[in-house]
Amino acid sequence: CRSVSAVSVRRGKALSSEFVKEVPAGTEFEVLDPGEGRRLKVRAVPSKFAASAACEGWISERTRDGQTLVVKAHPWTTAITEAEAMESFDVKAKKDKKDKKDKKD
């Protein structure tokens, strides 16, 4: 699966268990245990866009309110998704740089 927003990884299944780390949107996960309810035991798979995301633990697939946090990832879409993510990042970085320049003027 792949996160569509930042996701908190916890040591145990319980939401009150020890916090491991927060991983960014776009992080790919290998599902180790589908768990019950909305919890999944996963191993984050590092990529060139989320190299620091490598970890193992439990995440929620959706929020209490039903907002989706992770979606099924298909291997053939990963390259497209990564390209789109980088394009989006580049556009945002250029816009931020332009905004800073405009503020100076």
PDB file of N, CA and C in Angstrom:
ATOM      1  N   CYS A   1       0.849  -1.175   0.000  1.00  0.00           N
ATOM      2  CA  CYS A   1       0.000   0.000   0.000  1.00  0.00           C
ATOM      3  C   CYS A   1       0.895   1.238   0.000  1.00  0.00           C
ATOM      4  N   ARG A   2       0.284   2.398  -0.183  1.00  0.00           N
ATOM      5  CA  ARG A   2       1.010   3.662  -0.255  1.00  0.00           C
ATOM      6  C   ARG A   2       0.236   4.718   0.515  1.00  0.00           C
ATOM      7  N   SER A   3       0.946   5.533   1.292  1.00  0.00           N
ATOM      8  CA  SER A   3       0.282   6.584   2.063  1.00  0.00           C
ATOM      9  C   SER A   3      -0.089   7.751   1.150  1.00  0.00           C
ATOM     10  N   VAL A   4      -1.262   8.325   1.398  1.00  0.00           N
ATOM     11  CA  VAL A   4      -1.700   9.490   0.638  1.00  0.00           C
ATOM     12  C   VAL A   4      -1.549  10.762   1.453  1.00  0.00           C
ATOM     13  N   SER A   5      -1.166  10.605   2.712  1.00  0.00           N
ATOM     14  CA  SER A   5      -0.835  11.730   3.581  1.00  0.00           C
ATOM     15  C   SER A   5       0.189  11.218   4.590  1.00  0.00           C
ATOM     16  N   ALA A   6       0.709  12.118   5.405  1.00  0.00           N
ATOM     17  CA  ALA A   6       1.654  11.693   6.437  1.00  0.00           C
ATOM     18  C   ALA A   6       0.956  10.698   7.362  1.00  0.00           C
ATOM     19  N   VAL A   7       1.689   9.668   7.786  1.00  0.00           N
ATOM     20  CA  VAL A   7       1.121   8.603   8.610  1.00  0.00           C
ATOM     21  C   VAL A   7       2.025   8.357   9.808  1.00  0.00           C
ATOM     22  N   SER A   8       1.419   8.204  10.989  1.00  0.00           N
ATOM     23  CA  SER A   8       2.171   7.865  12.199  1.00  0.00           C
ATOM     24  C   SER A   8       2.347   6.360  12.289  1.00  0.00           C
ATOM     25  N   VAL A   9       3.578   5.943  12.555  1.00  0.00           N
ATOM     26  CA  VAL A   9       3.887   4.525  12.748  1.00  0.00           C
ATOM     27  C   VAL A   9       4.079   4.312  14.242  1.00  0.00           C
ATOM     28  N   ARG A  10       3.419   3.280  14.789  1.00  0.00           N
ATOM     29  CA  ARG A  10       3.520   2.970  16.218  1.00  0.00           C
ATOM     30  C   ARG A  10       4.068   1.565  16.409  1.00  0.00           C
ATOM     31  N   ARG A  11       4.727   1.350  17.547  1.00  0.00           N
ATOM     32  CA  ARG A  11       5.361   0.066  17.852  1.00  0.00           C
ATOM     33  C   ARG A  11       4.337  -1.062  17.924  1.00  0.00           C
ATOM     34  N   GLY A  12       3.213  -0.814  18.577  1.00  0.00           N
ATOM     35  CA  GLY A  12       2.189  -1.841  18.741  1.00  0.00           C
ATOM     36  C   GLY A  12       0.908  -1.499  18.018  1.00  0.00           C
ATOM     37  N   LYS A  13      -0.022  -2.413  18.088  1.00  0.00           N
ATOM     38  CA  LYS A  13      -1.311  -2.259  17.410  1.00  0.00           C
ATOM     39  C   LYS A  13      -2.155  -1.130  18.018  1.00  0.00           C
ATOM     40  N   ALA A  14      -2.052  -0.959  19.333  1.00  0.00           N
ATOM     41  CA  ALA A  14      -2.859   0.056  20.019  1.00  0.00           C
ATOM     42  C   ALA A  14      -2.416   1.468  19.633  1.00  0.00           C
ATOM     43  N   LEU A  15      -3.388   2.356  19.479  1.00  0.00           N
ATOM     44  CA  LEU A  15      -3.078   3.747  19.160  1.00  0.00           C
ATOM     45  C   LEU A  15      -2.284   4.427  20.271  1.00  0.00           C
ATOM     46  N   SER A  16      -2.340   3.851  21.468  1.00  0.00           N
ATOM     47  CA  SER A  16      -1.603   4.411  22.606  1.00  0.00           C
ATOM     48  C   SER A  16      -0.187   3.841  22.723  1.00  0.00           C
ATOM     49  N   SER A  17       0.202   2.935  21.821  1.00  0.00           N
ATOM     50  CA  SER A  17       1.536   2.330  21.898  1.00  0.00           C
ATOM     51  C   SER A  17       2.607   3.348  21.502  1.00  0.00           C
ATOM     52  N   GLU A  18       3.853   2.981  21.737  1.00  0.00           N
ATOM     53  CA  GLU A  18       4.993   3.874  21.503  1.00  0.00           C
ATOM     54  C   GLU A  18       5.043   4.367  20.055  1.00  0.00           C
ATOM     55  N   PHE A  19       5.205   5.677  19.912  1.00  0.00           N
ATOM     56  CA  PHE A  19       5.340   6.314  18.604  1.00  0.00           C
ATOM     57  C   PHE A  19       6.721   5.986  18.045  1.00  0.00           C
ATOM     58  N   VAL A  20       6.784   5.522  16.797  1.00  0.00           N
ATOM     59  CA  VAL A  20       8.063   5.217  16.150  1.00  0.00           C
ATOM     60  C   VAL A  20       8.512   6.410  15.317  1.00  0.00           C
ATOM     61  N   LYS A  21       7.683   6.816  14.375  1.00  0.00           N
ATOM     62  CA  LYS A  21       7.996   7.971  13.528  1.00  0.00           C
ATOM     63  C   LYS A  21       6.803   8.313  12.658  1.00  0.00           C
ATOM     64  N   GLU A  22       6.858   9.486  12.051  1.00  0.00           N
ATOM     65  CA  GLU A  22       5.860   9.877  11.064  1.00  0.00           C
ATOM     66  C   GLU A  22       6.526   9.765   9.700  1.00  0.00           C
ATOM     67  N   VAL A  23       5.844   9.118   8.772  1.00  0.00           N
ATOM     68  CA  VAL A  23       6.385   8.971   7.422  1.00  0.00           C
ATOM     69  C   VAL A  23       5.573   9.840   6.467  1.00  0.00           C
ATOM     70  N   PRO A  24       6.216  10.345   5.425  1.00  0.00           N
ATOM     71  CA  PRO A  24       5.540  11.275   4.523  1.00  0.00           C
ATOM     72  C   PRO A  24       4.563  10.604   3.558  1.00  0.00           C
ATOM     73  N   ALA A  25       3.714  11.429   2.978  1.00  0.00           N
ATOM     74  CA  ALA A  25       2.824  10.957   1.913  1.00  0.00           C
ATOM     75  C   ALA A  25       3.675  10.359   0.807  1.00  0.00           C
ATOM     76  N   GLY A  26       3.157   9.317   0.184  1.00  0.00           N
ATOM     77  CA  GLY A  26       3.874   8.666  -0.901  1.00  0.00           C
ATOM     78  C   GLY A  26       4.747   7.505  -0.461  1.00  0.00           C
ATOM     79  N   THR A  27       4.795   7.261   0.854  1.00  0.00           N
ATOM     80  CA  THR A  27       5.600   6.152   1.361  1.00  0.00           C
ATOM     81  C   THR A  27       4.947   4.830   0.982  1.00  0.00           C
ATOM     82  N   GLU A  28       5.736   3.920   0.460  1.00  0.00           N
ATOM     83  CA  GLU A  28       5.256   2.581   0.100  1.00  0.00           C
ATOM     84  C   GLU A  28       5.437   1.662   1.303  1.00  0.00           C
ATOM     85  N   PHE A  29       4.456   0.806   1.541  1.00  0.00           N
ATOM     86  CA  PHE A  29       4.496  -0.141   2.650  1.00  0.00           C
ATOM     87  C   PHE A  29       4.294  -1.562   2.148  1.00  0.00           C
ATOM     88  N   GLU A  30       4.954  -2.494   2.813  1.00  0.00           N
ATOM     89  CA  GLU A  30       4.672  -3.916   2.646  1.00  0.00           C
ATOM     90  C   GLU A  30       3.777  -4.278   3.824  1.00  0.00           C
ATOM     91  N   VAL A  31       2.602  -4.831   3.578  1.00  0.00           N
ATOM     92  CA  VAL A  31       1.688  -5.202   4.661  1.00  0.00           C
ATOM     93  C   VAL A  31       2.129  -6.548   5.234  1.00  0.00           C
ATOM     94  N   LEU A  32       2.447  -6.550   6.535  1.00  0.00           N
ATOM     95  CA  LEU A  32       2.894  -7.760   7.220  1.00  0.00           C
ATOM     96  C   LEU A  32       1.741  -8.477   7.906  1.00  0.00           C
ATOM     97  N   ASP A  33       0.741  -7.692   8.357  1.00  0.00           N
ATOM     98  CA  ASP A  33      -0.423  -8.252   9.055  1.00  0.00           C
ATOM     99  C   ASP A  33      -1.588  -7.301   8.827  1.00  0.00           C
ATOM    100  N   PRO A  34      -2.670  -7.770   8.203  1.00  0.00           N
ATOM    101  CA  PRO A  34      -3.806  -6.885   7.964  1.00  0.00           C
ATOM    102  C   PRO A  34      -4.540  -6.472   9.228  1.00  0.00           C
ATOM    103  N   GLY A  35      -4.241  -7.108  10.356  1.00  0.00           N
ATOM    104  CA  GLY A  35      -4.854  -6.714  11.618  1.00  0.00           C
ATOM    105  C   GLY A  35      -6.364  -6.768  11.586  1.00  0.00           C
ATOM    106  N   GLU A  36      -6.965  -6.020  12.496  1.00  0.00           N
ATOM    107  CA  GLU A  36      -8.425  -5.925  12.584  1.00  0.00           C
ATOM    108  C   GLU A  36      -8.808  -4.460  12.516  1.00  0.00           C
ATOM    109  N   GLY A  37     -10.009  -4.201  12.059  1.00  0.00           N
ATOM    110  CA  GLY A  37     -10.457  -2.818  11.977  1.00  0.00           C
ATOM    111  C   GLY A  37      -9.625  -2.038  10.978  1.00  0.00           C
ATOM    112  N   ARG A  38      -9.159  -0.880  11.400  1.00  0.00           N
ATOM    113  CA  ARG A  38      -8.416  -0.017  10.482  1.00  0.00           C
ATOM    114  C   ARG A  38      -6.909  -0.063  10.663  1.00  0.00           C
ATOM    115  N   ARG A  39      -6.397  -0.991  11.474  1.00  0.00           N
ATOM    116  CA  ARG A  39      -4.958  -1.077  11.760  1.00  0.00           C
ATOM    117  C   ARG A  39      -4.256  -2.096  10.861  1.00  0.00           C
ATOM    118  N   LEU A  40      -3.049  -1.749  10.422  1.00  0.00           N
ATOM    119  CA  LEU A  40      -2.221  -2.611   9.581  1.00  0.00           C
ATOM    120  C   LEU A  40      -0.809  -2.658  10.149  1.00  0.00           C
ATOM    121  N   LYS A  41      -0.221  -3.843  10.204  1.00  0.00           N
ATOM    122  CA  LYS A  41       1.195  -3.935  10.549  1.00  0.00           C
ATOM    123  C   LYS A  41       1.957  -3.890   9.231  1.00  0.00           C
ATOM    124  N   VAL A  42       2.915  -2.959   9.146  1.00  0.00           N
ATOM    125  CA  VAL A  42       3.601  -2.719   7.885  1.00  0.00           C
ATOM    126  C   VAL A  42       5.106  -2.552   8.065  1.00  0.00           C
ATOM    127  N   ARG A  43       5.778  -2.681   6.956  1.00  0.00           N
ATOM    128  CA  ARG A  43       7.191  -2.309   6.869  1.00  0.00           C
ATOM    129  C   ARG A  43       7.262  -1.257   5.776  1.00  0.00           C
ATOM    130  N   ALA A  44       7.755  -0.070   6.129  1.00  0.00           N
ATOM    131  CA  ALA A  44       7.905   0.987   5.133  1.00  0.00           C
ATOM    132  C   ALA A  44       9.073   0.638   4.224  1.00  0.00           C
ATOM    133  N   VAL A  45       8.855   0.781   2.946  1.00  0.00           N
ATOM    134  CA  VAL A  45       9.871   0.470   1.950  1.00  0.00           C
ATOM    135  C   VAL A  45      10.526   1.778   1.532  1.00  0.00           C
ATOM    136  N   PRO A  46      11.824   1.935   1.813  1.00  0.00           N
ATOM    137  CA  PRO A  46      12.473   3.193   1.433  1.00  0.00           C
ATOM    138  C   PRO A  46      12.517   3.347  -0.085  1.00  0.00           C
ATOM    139  N   SER A  47      12.380   4.569  -0.538  1.00  0.00           N
ATOM    140  CA  SER A  47      12.482   4.867  -1.966  1.00  0.00           C
ATOM    141  C   SER A  47      13.367   6.092  -2.113  1.00  0.00           C
ATOM    142  N   LYS A  48      13.652   6.455  -3.333  1.00  0.00           N
ATOM    143  CA  LYS A  48      14.506   7.628  -3.526  1.00  0.00           C
ATOM    144  C   LYS A  48      13.820   8.909  -3.063  1.00  0.00           C
ATOM    145  N   PHE A  49      12.504   8.887  -2.894  1.00  0.00           N
ATOM    146  CA  PHE A  49      11.784  10.067  -2.445  1.00  0.00           C
ATOM    147  C   PHE A  49      11.485  10.038  -0.953  1.00  0.00           C
ATOM    148  N   ALA A  50      11.611   8.870  -0.332  1.00  0.00           N
ATOM    149  CA  ALA A  50      11.331   8.736   1.102  1.00  0.00           C
ATOM    150  C   ALA A  50      12.337   7.773   1.729  1.00  0.00           C
ATOM    151  N   ALA A  51      13.626   8.039   1.513  1.00  0.00           N
ATOM    152  CA  ALA A  51      14.680   7.144   1.994  1.00  0.00           C
ATOM    153  C   ALA A  51      14.668   7.013   3.510  1.00  0.00           C
ATOM    154  N   SER A  52      14.309   8.076   4.205  1.00  0.00           N
ATOM    155  CA  SER A  52      14.323   8.043   5.669  1.00  0.00           C
ATOM    156  C   SER A  52      13.076   7.389   6.254  1.00  0.00           C
ATOM    157  N   ALA A  53      12.176   6.925   5.399  1.00  0.00           N
ATOM    158  CA  ALA A  53      10.916   6.360   5.874  1.00  0.00           C
ATOM    159  C   ALA A  53      11.040   4.921   6.356  1.00  0.00           C
ATOM    160  N   ALA A  54      12.172   4.259   6.123  1.00  0.00           N
ATOM    161  CA  ALA A  54      12.319   2.838   6.464  1.00  0.00           C
ATOM    162  C   ALA A  54      12.038   2.592   7.945  1.00  0.00           C
ATOM    163  N   CYS A  55      11.055   1.747   8.229  1.00  0.00           N
ATOM    164  CA  CYS A  55      10.702   1.378   9.596  1.00  0.00           C
ATOM    165  C   CYS A  55       9.640   0.284   9.540  1.00  0.00           C
ATOM    166  N   GLU A  56       9.308  -0.250  10.703  1.00  0.00           N
ATOM    167  CA  GLU A  56       8.280  -1.284  10.798  1.00  0.00           C
ATOM    168  C   GLU A  56       7.399  -0.955  11.989  1.00  0.00           C
ATOM    169  N   GLY A  57       6.104  -1.204  11.851  1.00  0.00           N
ATOM    170  CA  GLY A  57       5.176  -0.961  12.948  1.00  0.00           C
ATOM    171  C   GLY A  57       3.735  -0.988  12.466  1.00  0.00           C
ATOM    172  N   TRP A  58       2.875  -0.370  13.257  1.00  0.00           N
ATOM    173  CA  TRP A  58       1.441  -0.368  12.968  1.00  0.00           C
ATOM    174  C   TRP A  58       0.990   1.022  12.533  1.00  0.00           C
ATOM    175  N   ILE A  59       0.127   1.053  11.518  1.00  0.00           N
ATOM    176  CA  ILE A  59      -0.451   2.303  11.025  1.00  0.00           C
ATOM    177  C   ILE A  59      -1.965   2.138  10.910  1.00  0.00           C
ATOM    178  N   SER A  60      -2.648   3.259  10.764  1.00  0.00           N
ATOM    179  CA  SER A  60      -4.086   3.234  10.478  1.00  0.00           C
ATOM    180  C   SER A  60      -4.265   3.406   8.980  1.00  0.00           C
ATOM    181  N   GLU A  61      -5.182   2.629   8.393  1.00  0.00           N
ATOM    182  CA  GLU A  61      -5.440   2.794   6.962  1.00  0.00           C
ATOM    183  C   GLU A  61      -6.405   3.946   6.699  1.00  0.00           C
ATOM    184  N   ARG A  62      -7.110   4.380   7.750  1.00  0.00           N
ATOM    185  CA  ARG A  62      -8.001   5.533   7.638  1.00  0.00           C
ATOM    186  C   ARG A  62      -8.164   6.156   9.025  1.00  0.00           C
ATOM    187  N   THR A  63      -8.601   7.401   9.063  1.00  0.00           N
ATOM    188  CA  THR A  63      -8.814   8.092  10.332  1.00  0.00           C
ATOM    189  C   THR A  63     -10.126   7.640  10.967  1.00  0.00           C
ATOM    190  N   ARG A  64     -10.353   8.067  12.193  1.00  0.00           N
ATOM    191  CA  ARG A  64     -11.627   7.770  12.870  1.00  0.00           C
ATOM    192  C   ARG A  64     -12.814   8.269  12.062  1.00  0.00           C
ATOM    193  N   ASP A  65     -12.600   9.397  11.368  1.00  0.00           N
ATOM    194  CA  ASP A  65     -13.662  10.005  10.567  1.00  0.00           C
ATOM    195  C   ASP A  65     -13.813   9.369   9.189  1.00  0.00           C
ATOM    196  N   GLY A  66     -12.985   8.361   8.897  1.00  0.00           N
ATOM    197  CA  GLY A  66     -13.085   7.663   7.625  1.00  0.00           C
ATOM    198  C   GLY A  66     -12.211   8.209   6.512  1.00  0.00           C
ATOM    199  N   GLN A  67     -11.380   9.227   6.812  1.00  0.00           N
ATOM    200  CA  GLN A  67     -10.483   9.771   5.792  1.00  0.00           C
ATOM    201  C   GLN A  67      -9.409   8.741   5.458  1.00  0.00           C
ATOM    202  N   THR A  68      -9.216   8.476   4.184  1.00  0.00           N
ATOM    203  CA  THR A  68      -8.239   7.491   3.722  1.00  0.00           C
ATOM    204  C   THR A  68      -6.818   7.984   3.961  1.00  0.00           C
ATOM    205  N   LEU A  69      -5.984   7.126   4.573  1.00  0.00           N
ATOM    206  CA  LEU A  69      -4.575   7.440   4.802  1.00  0.00           C
ATOM    207  C   LEU A  69      -3.653   6.646   3.888  1.00  0.00           C
ATOM    208  N   VAL A  70      -4.070   5.428   3.532  1.00  0.00           N
ATOM    209  CA  VAL A  70      -3.271   4.591   2.627  1.00  0.00           C
ATOM    210  C   VAL A  70      -4.176   3.949   1.586  1.00  0.00           C
ATOM    211  N   VAL A  71      -3.608   3.714   0.423  1.00  0.00           N
ATOM    212  CA  VAL A  71      -4.334   3.064  -0.668  1.00  0.00           C
ATOM    213  C   VAL A  71      -3.500   1.893  -1.176  1.00  0.00           C
ATOM    214  N   LYS A  72      -4.162   0.982  -1.866  1.00  0.00           N
ATOM    215  CA  LYS A  72      -3.427  -0.131  -2.474  1.00  0.00           C
ATOM    216  C   LYS A  72      -2.512   0.433  -3.546  1.00  0.00           C
ATOM    217  N   ALA A  73      -1.285  -0.053  -3.568  1.00  0.00           N
ATOM    218  CA  ALA A  73      -0.318   0.401  -4.569  1.00  0.00           C
ATOM    219  C   ALA A  73      -0.101  -0.708  -5.587  1.00  0.00           C
ATOM    220  N   HIS A  74      -0.064  -0.326  -6.826  1.00  0.00           N
ATOM    221  CA  HIS A  74       0.202  -1.274  -7.902  1.00  0.00           C
ATOM    222  C   HIS A  74       1.606  -1.002  -8.415  1.00  0.00           C
ATOM    223  N   PRO A  75       2.444  -2.018  -8.536  1.00  0.00           N
ATOM    224  CA  PRO A  75       3.832  -1.812  -8.963  1.00  0.00           C
ATOM    225  C   PRO A  75       3.975  -0.997 -10.243  1.00  0.00           C
ATOM    226  N   TRP A  76       3.066  -1.206 -11.197  1.00  0.00           N
ATOM    227  CA  TRP A  76       3.195  -0.500 -12.466  1.00  0.00           C
ATOM    228  C   TRP A  76       2.834   0.971 -12.365  1.00  0.00           C
ATOM    229  N   THR A  77       2.174   1.396 -11.276  1.00  0.00           N
ATOM    230  CA  THR A  77       1.841   2.812 -11.116  1.00  0.00           C
ATOM    231  C   THR A  77       2.873   3.553 -10.291  1.00  0.00           C
ATOM    232  N   THR A  78       3.788   2.836  -9.639  1.00  0.00           N
ATOM    233  CA  THR A  78       4.756   3.486  -8.765  1.00  0.00           C
ATOM    234  C   THR A  78       5.599   4.501  -9.519  1.00  0.00           C
ATOM    235  N   ALA A  79       6.105   4.142 -10.685  1.00  0.00           N
ATOM    236  CA  ALA A  79       6.951   5.057 -11.452  1.00  0.00           C
ATOM    237  C   ALA A  79       6.187   6.315 -11.835  1.00  0.00           C
ATOM    238  N   ILE A  80       4.935   6.153 -12.240  1.00  0.00           N
ATOM    239  CA  ILE A  80       4.115   7.304 -12.598  1.00  0.00           C
ATOM    240  C   ILE A  80       3.875   8.160 -11.366  1.00  0.00           C
ATOM    241  N   THR A  81       3.531   7.535 -10.262  1.00  0.00           N
ATOM    242  CA  THR A  81       3.264   8.266  -9.033  1.00  0.00           C
ATOM    243  C   THR A  81       4.499   9.040  -8.587  1.00  0.00           C
ATOM    244  N   GLU A  82       5.679   8.401  -8.633  1.00  0.00           N
ATOM    245  CA  GLU A  82       6.903   9.076  -8.225  1.00  0.00           C
ATOM    246  C   GLU A  82       7.208  10.249  -9.151  1.00  0.00           C
ATOM    247  N   ALA A  83       6.995  10.059 -10.460  1.00  0.00           N
ATOM    248  CA  ALA A  83       7.233  11.141 -11.413  1.00  0.00           C
ATOM    249  C   ALA A  83       6.281  12.300 -11.143  1.00  0.00           C
ATOM    250  N   GLU A  84       5.016  11.994 -10.897  1.00  0.00           N
ATOM    251  CA  GLU A  84       4.036  13.037 -10.594  1.00  0.00           C
ATOM    252  C   GLU A  84       4.385  13.742  -9.293  1.00  0.00           C
ATOM    253  N   ALA A  85       4.838  12.978  -8.303  1.00  0.00           N
ATOM    254  CA  ALA A  85       5.209  13.572  -7.015  1.00  0.00           C
ATOM    255  C   ALA A  85       6.370  14.541  -7.193  1.00  0.00           C
ATOM    256  N   MET A  86       7.374  14.140  -7.965  1.00  0.00           N
ATOM    257  CA  MET A  86       8.519  15.017  -8.184  1.00  0.00           C
ATOM    258  C   MET A  86       8.115  16.249  -8.981  1.00  0.00           C
ATOM    259  N   GLU A  87       7.267  16.073  -9.983  1.00  0.00           N
ATOM    260  CA  GLU A  87       6.802  17.208 -10.762  1.00  0.00           C
ATOM    261  C   GLU A  87       6.055  18.180  -9.865  1.00  0.00           C
ATOM    262  N   SER A  88       5.184  17.668  -9.024  1.00  0.00           N
ATOM    263  CA  SER A  88       4.437  18.496  -8.087  1.00  0.00           C
ATOM    264  C   SER A  88       5.387  19.210  -7.137  1.00  0.00           C
ATOM    265  N   PHE A  89       6.383  18.487  -6.631  1.00  0.00           N
ATOM    266  CA  PHE A  89       7.354  19.066  -5.711  1.00  0.00           C
ATOM    267  C   PHE A  89       8.135  20.177  -6.401  1.00  0.00           C
ATOM    268  N   ASP A  90       8.584  19.937  -7.649  1.00  0.00           N
ATOM    269  CA  ASP A  90       9.345  20.933  -8.394  1.00  0.00           C
ATOM    270  C   ASP A  90       8.520  22.189  -8.637  1.00  0.00           C
ATOM    271  N   VAL A  91       7.249  22.021  -9.002  1.00  0.00           N
ATOM    272  CA  VAL A  91       6.368  23.159  -9.236  1.00  0.00           C
ATOM    273  C   VAL A  91       6.202  23.957  -7.954  1.00  0.00           C
ATOM    274  N   LYS A  92       5.981  23.277  -6.825  1.00  0.00           N
ATOM    275  CA  LYS A  92       5.816  23.963  -5.544  1.00  0.00           C
ATOM    276  C   LYS A  92       7.099  24.680  -5.149  1.00  0.00           C
ATOM    277  N   ALA A  93       8.255  24.040  -5.336  1.00  0.00           N
ATOM    278  CA  ALA A  93       9.534  24.655  -4.977  1.00  0.00           C
ATOM    279  C   ALA A  93       9.765  25.917  -5.803  1.00  0.00           C
ATOM    280  N   LYS A  94       9.457  25.860  -7.108  1.00  0.00           N
ATOM    281  CA  LYS A  94       9.619  27.035  -7.962  1.00  0.00           C
ATOM    282  C   LYS A  94       8.675  28.149  -7.536  1.00  0.00           C
ATOM    283  N   LYS A  95       7.436  27.797  -7.179  1.00  0.00           N
ATOM    284  CA  LYS A  95       6.465  28.796  -6.738  1.00  0.00           C
ATOM    285  C   LYS A  95       6.925  29.432  -5.435  1.00  0.00           C
ATOM    286  N   ASP A  96       7.405  28.631  -4.480  1.00  0.00           N
ATOM    287  CA  ASP A  96       7.893  29.162  -3.207  1.00  0.00           C
ATOM    288  C   ASP A  96       9.065  30.110  -3.427  1.00  0.00           C
ATOM    289  N   LYS A  97       9.969  29.742  -4.336  1.00  0.00           N
ATOM    290  CA  LYS A  97      11.129  30.580  -4.637  1.00  0.00           C
ATOM    291  C   LYS A  97      10.668  31.904  -5.242  1.00  0.00           C
ATOM    292  N   LYS A  98       9.695  31.849  -6.167  1.00  0.00           N
ATOM    293  CA  LYS A  98       9.166  33.053  -6.799  1.00  0.00           C
ATOM    294  C   LYS A  98       8.470  33.930  -5.764  1.00  0.00           C
ATOM    295  N   ASP A  99       7.682  33.325  -4.865  1.00  0.00           N
ATOM    296  CA  ASP A  99       6.987  34.081  -3.827  1.00  0.00           C
ATOM    297  C   ASP A  99       7.976  34.814  -2.927  1.00  0.00           C
ATOM    298  N   LYS A 100       9.079  34.149  -2.565  1.00  0.00           N
ATOM    299  CA  LYS A 100      10.099  34.784  -1.723  1.00  0.00           C
ATOM    300  C   LYS A 100      10.735  35.957  -2.455  1.00  0.00           C
ATOM    301  N   LYS A 101      10.999  35.777  -3.760  1.00  0.00           N
ATOM    302  CA  LYS A 101      11.600  36.846  -4.554  1.00  0.00           C
ATOM    303  C   LYS A 101      10.641  38.027  -4.640  1.00  0.00           C
ATOM    304  N   ASP A 102       9.354  37.768  -4.868  1.00  0.00           N
ATOM    305  CA  ASP A 102       8.355  38.829  -4.964  1.00  0.00           C
ATOM    306  C   ASP A 102       8.245  39.614  -3.665  1.00  0.00           C
ATOM    307  N   LYS A 103       8.394  38.944  -2.520  1.00  0.00           N
ATOM    308  CA  LYS A 103       8.312  39.619  -1.220  1.00  0.00           C
ATOM    309  C   LYS A 103       9.488  40.570  -1.024  1.00  0.00           C
ATOM    310  N   LYS A 104      10.659  40.212  -1.570  1.00  0.00           N
ATOM    311  CA  LYS A 104      11.845  41.059  -1.442  1.00  0.00           C
ATOM    312  C   LYS A 104      11.704  42.324  -2.268  1.00  0.00           C
ATOM    313  N   ASP A 105      11.007  42.219  -3.409  1.00  0.00           N
ATOM    314  CA  ASP A 105      10.859  43.358  -4.333  1.00  0.00           C
ATOM    315  C   ASP A 105       9.868  44.321  -3.825  1.00  0.00           C
TER     316      ASP A 105
END
